[in-house]
């Protein structure tokens, strides 16, 4: 569940681990994972190639979010 993922995220961060937010093949075009990766300040976002529309949707969501922020998403976890 998402709650269990959140608990795992907190435990990993407390242990000093880097956290990768990842999606699986067979996903839909729902782009919530991009919001989750940024909202949780994941260290990496593993999404895959833009060759498939469900993955492109997530990259487009990241670009949309970046266009609304005052700073670029490059090095997002280390943002000001």
PDB file of N, CA and C in Angstrom:
ATOM      1  N   UNK A   1       0.837  -1.189   0.000  1.00  0.00           N
ATOM      2  CA  UNK A   1       0.000   0.000   0.000  1.00  0.00           C
ATOM      3  C   UNK A   1       0.876   1.244   0.000  1.00  0.00           C
ATOM      4  N   UNK A   2       0.264   2.361  -0.264  1.00  0.00           N
ATOM      5  CA  UNK A   2       1.000   3.623  -0.244  1.00  0.00           C
ATOM      6  C   UNK A   2       1.469   3.952   1.175  1.00  0.00           C
ATOM      7  N   UNK A   3       0.665   3.609   2.162  1.00  0.00           N
ATOM      8  CA  UNK A   3       1.060   3.847   3.559  1.00  0.00           C
ATOM      9  C   UNK A   3       2.292   3.034   3.927  1.00  0.00           C
ATOM     10  N   UNK A   4       2.343   1.800   3.472  1.00  0.00           N
ATOM     11  CA  UNK A   4       3.512   0.957   3.741  1.00  0.00           C
ATOM     12  C   UNK A   4       4.743   1.484   3.004  1.00  0.00           C
ATOM     13  N   UNK A   5       4.539   1.972   1.801  1.00  0.00           N
ATOM     14  CA  UNK A   5       5.653   2.565   1.054  1.00  0.00           C
ATOM     15  C   UNK A   5       6.181   3.791   1.787  1.00  0.00           C
ATOM     16  N   UNK A   6       5.287   4.592   2.342  1.00  0.00           N
ATOM     17  CA  UNK A   6       5.697   5.785   3.093  1.00  0.00           C
ATOM     18  C   UNK A   6       6.498   5.389   4.329  1.00  0.00           C
ATOM     19  N   UNK A   7       6.074   4.354   5.015  1.00  0.00           N
ATOM     20  CA  UNK A   7       6.817   3.875   6.189  1.00  0.00           C
ATOM     21  C   UNK A   7       8.201   3.391   5.785  1.00  0.00           C
ATOM     22  N   UNK A   8       8.288   2.673   4.692  1.00  0.00           N
ATOM     23  CA  UNK A   8       9.584   2.190   4.205  1.00  0.00           C
ATOM     24  C   UNK A   8      10.480   3.353   3.817  1.00  0.00           C
ATOM     25  N   UNK A   9       9.894   4.364   3.201  1.00  0.00           N
ATOM     26  CA  UNK A   9      10.641   5.559   2.813  1.00  0.00           C
ATOM     27  C   UNK A   9      11.247   6.224   4.049  1.00  0.00           C
ATOM     28  N   UNK A  10      10.446   6.413   5.074  1.00  0.00           N
ATOM     29  CA  UNK A  10      10.926   7.060   6.302  1.00  0.00           C
ATOM     30  C   UNK A  10      12.045   6.239   6.935  1.00  0.00           C
ATOM     31  N   UNK A  11      11.871   4.939   7.019  1.00  0.00           N
ATOM     32  CA  UNK A  11      12.907   4.075   7.603  1.00  0.00           C
ATOM     33  C   UNK A  11      14.208   4.161   6.806  1.00  0.00           C
ATOM     34  N   UNK A  12      14.101   4.142   5.491  1.00  0.00           N
ATOM     35  CA  UNK A  12      15.299   4.221   4.647  1.00  0.00           C
ATOM     36  C   UNK A  12      16.011   5.554   4.846  1.00  0.00           C
ATOM     37  N   UNK A  13      15.263   6.646   4.857  1.00  0.00           N
ATOM     38  CA  UNK A  13      15.866   7.970   5.047  1.00  0.00           C
ATOM     39  C   UNK A  13      16.523   8.078   6.420  1.00  0.00           C
ATOM     40  N   UNK A  14      15.854   7.564   7.443  1.00  0.00           N
ATOM     41  CA  UNK A  14      16.422   7.595   8.795  1.00  0.00           C
ATOM     42  C   UNK A  14      17.718   6.800   8.875  1.00  0.00           C
ATOM     43  N   UNK A  15      17.837   5.763   8.051  1.00  0.00           N
ATOM     44  CA  UNK A  15      19.044   4.941   8.024  1.00  0.00           C
ATOM     45  C   UNK A  15      20.128   5.552   7.133  1.00  0.00           C
ATOM     46  N   UNK A  16      19.816   6.680   6.495  1.00  0.00           N
ATOM     47  CA  UNK A  16      20.795   7.337   5.639  1.00  0.00           C
ATOM     48  C   UNK A  16      20.863   6.784   4.225  1.00  0.00           C
ATOM     49  N   UNK A  17      19.880   6.003   3.849  1.00  0.00           N
ATOM     50  CA  UNK A  17      19.860   5.418   2.511  1.00  0.00           C
ATOM     51  C   UNK A  17      19.301   6.406   1.494  1.00  0.00           C
ATOM     52  N   UNK A  18      19.727   6.242   0.239  1.00  0.00           N
ATOM     53  CA  UNK A  18      19.110   6.970  -0.863  1.00  0.00           C
ATOM     54  C   UNK A  18      17.838   6.234  -1.268  1.00  0.00           C
ATOM     55  N   UNK A  19      16.839   6.979  -1.680  1.00  0.00           N
ATOM     56  CA  UNK A  19      15.553   6.376  -2.028  1.00  0.00           C
ATOM     57  C   UNK A  19      15.226   6.654  -3.492  1.00  0.00           C
ATOM     58  N   UNK A  20      14.881   5.598  -4.207  1.00  0.00           N
ATOM     59  CA  UNK A  20      14.458   5.707  -5.597  1.00  0.00           C
ATOM     60  C   UNK A  20      12.958   5.457  -5.671  1.00  0.00           C
ATOM     61  N   UNK A  21      12.233   6.403  -6.227  1.00  0.00           N
ATOM     62  CA  UNK A  21      10.813   6.202  -6.501  1.00  0.00           C
ATOM     63  C   UNK A  21      10.749   5.584  -7.889  1.00  0.00           C
ATOM     64  N   UNK A  22      10.115   4.422  -7.995  1.00  0.00           N
ATOM     65  CA  UNK A  22      10.143   3.670  -9.245  1.00  0.00           C
ATOM     66  C   UNK A  22       8.737   3.242  -9.650  1.00  0.00           C
ATOM     67  N   UNK A  23       8.504   3.196 -10.952  1.00  0.00           N
ATOM     68  CA  UNK A  23       7.245   2.678 -11.478  1.00  0.00           C
ATOM     69  C   UNK A  23       7.529   1.369 -12.196  1.00  0.00           C
ATOM     70  N   UNK A  24       6.500   0.607 -12.425  1.00  0.00           N
ATOM     71  CA  UNK A  24       6.657  -0.701 -13.046  1.00  0.00           C
ATOM     72  C   UNK A  24       6.130  -0.679 -14.474  1.00  0.00           C
ATOM     73  N   UNK A  25       6.602  -1.633 -15.250  1.00  0.00           N
ATOM     74  CA  UNK A  25       6.060  -1.760 -16.605  1.00  0.00           C
ATOM     75  C   UNK A  25       4.587  -2.156 -16.498  1.00  0.00           C
ATOM     76  N   UNK A  26       3.824  -1.795 -17.481  1.00  0.00           N
ATOM     77  CA  UNK A  26       2.398  -2.080 -17.441  1.00  0.00           C
ATOM     78  C   UNK A  26       1.601  -0.994 -16.738  1.00  0.00           C
ATOM     79  N   UNK A  27       2.264   0.124 -16.429  1.00  0.00           N
ATOM     80  CA  UNK A  27       1.597   1.258 -15.788  1.00  0.00           C
ATOM     81  C   UNK A  27       0.575   1.873 -16.730  1.00  0.00           C
ATOM     82  N   UNK A  28      -0.238   2.748 -16.183  1.00  0.00           N
ATOM     83  CA  UNK A  28      -1.170   3.528 -16.994  1.00  0.00           C
ATOM     84  C   UNK A  28      -0.567   4.911 -17.232  1.00  0.00           C
ATOM     85  N   UNK A  29      -1.282   5.763 -17.921  1.00  0.00           N
ATOM     86  CA  UNK A  29      -0.804   7.123 -18.162  1.00  0.00           C
ATOM     87  C   UNK A  29      -1.044   8.036 -16.966  1.00  0.00           C
ATOM     88  N   UNK A  30      -1.567   7.505 -15.892  1.00  0.00           N
ATOM     89  CA  UNK A  30      -1.738   8.295 -14.670  1.00  0.00           C
ATOM     90  C   UNK A  30      -0.355   8.735 -14.199  1.00  0.00           C
ATOM     91  N   UNK A  31      -0.204  10.017 -13.931  1.00  0.00           N
ATOM     92  CA  UNK A  31       1.122  10.573 -13.647  1.00  0.00           C
ATOM     93  C   UNK A  31       1.395  10.832 -12.165  1.00  0.00           C
ATOM     94  N   UNK A  32       0.653  10.205 -11.283  1.00  0.00           N
ATOM     95  CA  UNK A  32       0.789  10.450  -9.847  1.00  0.00           C
ATOM     96  C   UNK A  32       2.183  10.138  -9.320  1.00  0.00           C
ATOM     97  N   UNK A  33       2.886   9.206  -9.933  1.00  0.00           N
ATOM     98  CA  UNK A  33       4.207   8.817  -9.429  1.00  0.00           C
ATOM     99  C   UNK A  33       5.199   9.971  -9.510  1.00  0.00           C
ATOM    100  N   UNK A  34       5.054  10.831 -10.495  1.00  0.00           N
ATOM    101  CA  UNK A  34       5.931  12.003 -10.598  1.00  0.00           C
ATOM    102  C   UNK A  34       5.689  12.942  -9.420  1.00  0.00           C
ATOM    103  N   UNK A  35       4.429  13.154  -9.077  1.00  0.00           N
ATOM    104  CA  UNK A  35       4.102  13.986  -7.914  1.00  0.00           C
ATOM    105  C   UNK A  35       4.642  13.359  -6.630  1.00  0.00           C
ATOM    106  N   UNK A  36       4.512  12.051  -6.524  1.00  0.00           N
ATOM    107  CA  UNK A  36       5.007  11.352  -5.338  1.00  0.00           C
ATOM    108  C   UNK A  36       6.521  11.481  -5.220  1.00  0.00           C
ATOM    109  N   UNK A  37       7.225  11.290  -6.320  1.00  0.00           N
ATOM    110  CA  UNK A  37       8.691  11.381  -6.301  1.00  0.00           C
ATOM    111  C   UNK A  37       9.151  12.753  -5.835  1.00  0.00           C
ATOM    112  N   UNK A  38       8.481  13.791  -6.293  1.00  0.00           N
ATOM    113  CA  UNK A  38       8.851  15.146  -5.882  1.00  0.00           C
ATOM    114  C   UNK A  38       8.352  15.463  -4.481  1.00  0.00           C
ATOM    115  N   UNK A  39       7.151  15.044  -4.176  1.00  0.00           N
ATOM    116  CA  UNK A  39       6.590  15.314  -2.855  1.00  0.00           C
ATOM    117  C   UNK A  39       7.378  14.660  -1.740  1.00  0.00           C
ATOM    118  N   UNK A  40       7.877  13.481  -1.999  1.00  0.00           N
ATOM    119  CA  UNK A  40       8.683  12.776  -1.002  1.00  0.00           C
ATOM    120  C   UNK A  40      10.154  13.135  -1.108  1.00  0.00           C
ATOM    121  N   UNK A  41      10.522  13.955  -2.056  1.00  0.00           N
ATOM    122  CA  UNK A  41      11.927  14.304  -2.309  1.00  0.00           C
ATOM    123  C   UNK A  41      12.769  13.052  -2.515  1.00  0.00           C
ATOM    124  N   UNK A  42      12.280  12.176  -3.381  1.00  0.00           N
ATOM    125  CA  UNK A  42      13.051  10.982  -3.706  1.00  0.00           C
ATOM    126  C   UNK A  42      14.393  11.363  -4.311  1.00  0.00           C
ATOM    127  N   UNK A  43      15.392  10.554  -4.048  1.00  0.00           N
ATOM    128  CA  UNK A  43      16.731  10.846  -4.569  1.00  0.00           C
ATOM    129  C   UNK A  43      16.829  10.564  -6.061  1.00  0.00           C
ATOM    130  N   UNK A  44      16.020   9.615  -6.531  1.00  0.00           N
ATOM    131  CA  UNK A  44      15.981   9.281  -7.952  1.00  0.00           C
ATOM    132  C   UNK A  44      14.549   8.919  -8.314  1.00  0.00           C
ATOM    133  N   UNK A  45      14.234   9.094  -9.591  1.00  0.00           N
ATOM    134  CA  UNK A  45      12.930   8.685 -10.112  1.00  0.00           C
ATOM    135  C   UNK A  45      13.190   7.748 -11.274  1.00  0.00           C
ATOM    136  N   UNK A  46      12.866   6.477 -11.102  1.00  0.00           N
ATOM    137  CA  UNK A  46      13.089   5.468 -12.140  1.00  0.00           C
ATOM    138  C   UNK A  46      11.778   5.271 -12.895  1.00  0.00           C
ATOM    139  N   UNK A  47      11.790   5.701 -14.141  1.00  0.00           N
ATOM    140  CA  UNK A  47      10.569   5.668 -14.931  1.00  0.00           C
ATOM    141  C   UNK A  47      10.745   4.910 -16.238  1.00  0.00           C
ATOM    142  N   UNK A  48      11.923   4.936 -16.797  1.00  0.00           N
ATOM    143  CA  UNK A  48      12.160   4.242 -18.054  1.00  0.00           C
ATOM    144  C   UNK A  48      12.136   5.181 -19.249  1.00  0.00           C
ATOM    145  N   UNK A  49      12.196   4.604 -20.405  1.00  0.00           N
ATOM    146  CA  UNK A  49      12.287   5.332 -21.671  1.00  0.00           C
ATOM    147  C   UNK A  49      10.990   6.067 -22.001  1.00  0.00           C
ATOM    148  N   UNK A  50      11.103   7.152 -22.755  1.00  0.00           N
ATOM    149  CA  UNK A  50       9.916   7.895 -23.167  1.00  0.00           C
ATOM    150  C   UNK A  50       9.234   7.274 -24.383  1.00  0.00           C
ATOM    151  N   UNK A  51       9.622   6.085 -24.749  1.00  0.00           N
ATOM    152  CA  UNK A  51       9.065   5.435 -25.932  1.00  0.00           C
ATOM    153  C   UNK A  51       7.620   4.988 -25.726  1.00  0.00           C
ATOM    154  N   UNK A  52       7.192   4.863 -24.486  1.00  0.00           N
ATOM    155  CA  UNK A  52       5.826   4.426 -24.211  1.00  0.00           C
ATOM    156  C   UNK A  52       5.046   5.577 -23.584  1.00  0.00           C
ATOM    157  N   UNK A  53       3.798   5.727 -23.975  1.00  0.00           N
ATOM    158  CA  UNK A  53       3.008   6.885 -23.557  1.00  0.00           C
ATOM    159  C   UNK A  53       2.823   6.961 -22.047  1.00  0.00           C
ATOM    160  N   UNK A  54       2.730   5.826 -21.374  1.00  0.00           N
ATOM    161  CA  UNK A  54       2.537   5.867 -19.920  1.00  0.00           C
ATOM    162  C   UNK A  54       3.768   6.431 -19.207  1.00  0.00           C
ATOM    163  N   UNK A  55       4.925   6.233 -19.786  1.00  0.00           N
ATOM    164  CA  UNK A  55       6.146   6.801 -19.197  1.00  0.00           C
ATOM    165  C   UNK A  55       6.296   8.269 -19.583  1.00  0.00           C
ATOM    166  N   UNK A  56       5.977   8.589 -20.816  1.00  0.00           N
ATOM    167  CA  UNK A  56       6.041   9.974 -21.278  1.00  0.00           C
ATOM    168  C   UNK A  56       5.122  10.866 -20.448  1.00  0.00           C
ATOM    169  N   UNK A  57       3.971  10.354 -20.054  1.00  0.00           N
ATOM    170  CA  UNK A  57       3.035  11.135 -19.241  1.00  0.00           C
ATOM    171  C   UNK A  57       3.681  11.564 -17.928  1.00  0.00           C
ATOM    172  N   UNK A  58       4.478  10.696 -17.343  1.00  0.00           N
ATOM    173  CA  UNK A  58       5.138  11.025 -16.071  1.00  0.00           C
ATOM    174  C   UNK A  58       6.238  12.071 -16.277  1.00  0.00           C
ATOM    175  N   UNK A  59       6.994  11.944 -17.369  1.00  0.00           N
ATOM    176  CA  UNK A  59       8.006  12.962 -17.666  1.00  0.00           C
ATOM    177  C   UNK A  59       7.343  14.310 -17.959  1.00  0.00           C
ATOM    178  N   UNK A  60       6.238  14.281 -18.690  1.00  0.00           N
ATOM    179  CA  UNK A  60       5.521  15.523 -18.964  1.00  0.00           C
ATOM    180  C   UNK A  60       5.025  16.164 -17.675  1.00  0.00           C
ATOM    181  N   UNK A  61       4.602  15.345 -16.725  1.00  0.00           N
ATOM    182  CA  UNK A  61       4.155  15.883 -15.436  1.00  0.00           C
ATOM    183  C   UNK A  61       5.321  16.549 -14.709  1.00  0.00           C
ATOM    184  N   UNK A  62       6.497  15.947 -14.751  1.00  0.00           N
ATOM    185  CA  UNK A  62       7.669  16.577 -14.130  1.00  0.00           C
ATOM    186  C   UNK A  62       7.958  17.932 -14.768  1.00  0.00           C
ATOM    187  N   UNK A  63       7.864  17.999 -16.090  1.00  0.00           N
ATOM    188  CA  UNK A  63       8.093  19.270 -16.787  1.00  0.00           C
ATOM    189  C   UNK A  63       7.031  20.301 -16.414  1.00  0.00           C
ATOM    190  N   UNK A  64       5.794  19.848 -16.273  1.00  0.00           N
ATOM    191  CA  UNK A  64       4.716  20.756 -15.875  1.00  0.00           C
ATOM    192  C   UNK A  64       4.973  21.322 -14.482  1.00  0.00           C
ATOM    193  N   UNK A  65       5.369  20.458 -13.558  1.00  0.00           N
ATOM    194  CA  UNK A  65       5.664  20.911 -12.196  1.00  0.00           C
ATOM    195  C   UNK A  65       6.827  21.892 -12.220  1.00  0.00           C
ATOM    196  N   UNK A  66       7.876  21.551 -12.974  1.00  0.00           N
ATOM    197  CA  UNK A  66       9.043  22.426 -13.032  1.00  0.00           C
ATOM    198  C   UNK A  66       8.678  23.805 -13.581  1.00  0.00           C
ATOM    199  N   UNK A  67       7.773  23.854 -14.538  1.00  0.00           N
ATOM    200  CA  UNK A  67       7.385  25.144 -15.121  1.00  0.00           C
ATOM    201  C   UNK A  67       6.663  26.034 -14.115  1.00  0.00           C
ATOM    202  N   UNK A  68       6.177  25.441 -13.037  1.00  0.00           N
ATOM    203  CA  UNK A  68       5.434  26.195 -12.020  1.00  0.00           C
ATOM    204  C   UNK A  68       6.263  26.512 -10.779  1.00  0.00           C
ATOM    205  N   UNK A  69       7.514  26.089 -10.773  1.00  0.00           N
ATOM    206  CA  UNK A  69       8.363  26.336  -9.606  1.00  0.00           C
ATOM    207  C   UNK A  69       9.371  27.430  -9.923  1.00  0.00           C
ATOM    208  N   UNK A  70       9.858  28.124  -8.892  1.00  0.00           N
ATOM    209  CA  UNK A  70      10.811  29.211  -9.129  1.00  0.00           C
ATOM    210  C   UNK A  70      12.241  28.738  -9.371  1.00  0.00           C
ATOM    211  N   UNK A  71      12.475  27.445  -9.332  1.00  0.00           N
ATOM    212  CA  UNK A  71      13.819  26.908  -9.520  1.00  0.00           C
ATOM    213  C   UNK A  71      13.730  25.597 -10.291  1.00  0.00           C
ATOM    214  N   UNK A  72      14.801  25.201 -10.991  1.00  0.00           N
ATOM    215  CA  UNK A  72      14.763  23.962 -11.774  1.00  0.00           C
ATOM    216  C   UNK A  72      14.752  22.726 -10.880  1.00  0.00           C
ATOM    217  N   UNK A  73      14.240  21.643 -11.420  1.00  0.00           N
ATOM    218  CA  UNK A  73      14.168  20.399 -10.656  1.00  0.00           C
ATOM    219  C   UNK A  73      15.466  19.605 -10.678  1.00  0.00           C
ATOM    220  N   UNK A  74      16.459  20.064 -11.410  1.00  0.00           N
ATOM    221  CA  UNK A  74      17.763  19.406 -11.392  1.00  0.00           C
ATOM    222  C   UNK A  74      18.256  19.427  -9.950  1.00  0.00           C
ATOM    223  N   UNK A  75      18.738  18.313  -9.478  1.00  0.00           N
ATOM    224  CA  UNK A  75      19.177  18.175  -8.081  1.00  0.00           C
ATOM    225  C   UNK A  75      18.048  18.472  -7.101  1.00  0.00           C
ATOM    226  N   UNK A  76      16.843  18.062  -7.437  1.00  0.00           N
ATOM    227  CA  UNK A  76      15.659  18.327  -6.617  1.00  0.00           C
ATOM    228  C   UNK A  76      15.836  18.012  -5.129  1.00  0.00           C
ATOM    229  N   UNK A  77      16.369  16.857  -4.738  1.00  0.00           N
ATOM    230  CA  UNK A  77      16.466  16.615  -3.295  1.00  0.00           C
ATOM    231  C   UNK A  77      17.326  17.643  -2.573  1.00  0.00           C
ATOM    232  N   UNK A  78      18.221  18.299  -3.289  1.00  0.00           N
ATOM    233  CA  UNK A  78      19.108  19.289  -2.674  1.00  0.00           C
ATOM    234  C   UNK A  78      18.627  20.710  -2.935  1.00  0.00           C
ATOM    235  N   UNK A  79      17.354  20.854  -3.227  1.00  0.00           N
ATOM    236  CA  UNK A  79      16.813  22.174  -3.559  1.00  0.00           C
ATOM    237  C   UNK A  79      16.968  23.133  -2.383  1.00  0.00           C
ATOM    238  N   UNK A  80      16.906  24.444  -2.665  1.00  0.00           N
ATOM    239  CA  UNK A  80      17.066  25.434  -1.583  1.00  0.00           C
ATOM    240  C   UNK A  80      15.930  25.383  -0.582  1.00  0.00           C
TER     241      UNK A  80
END
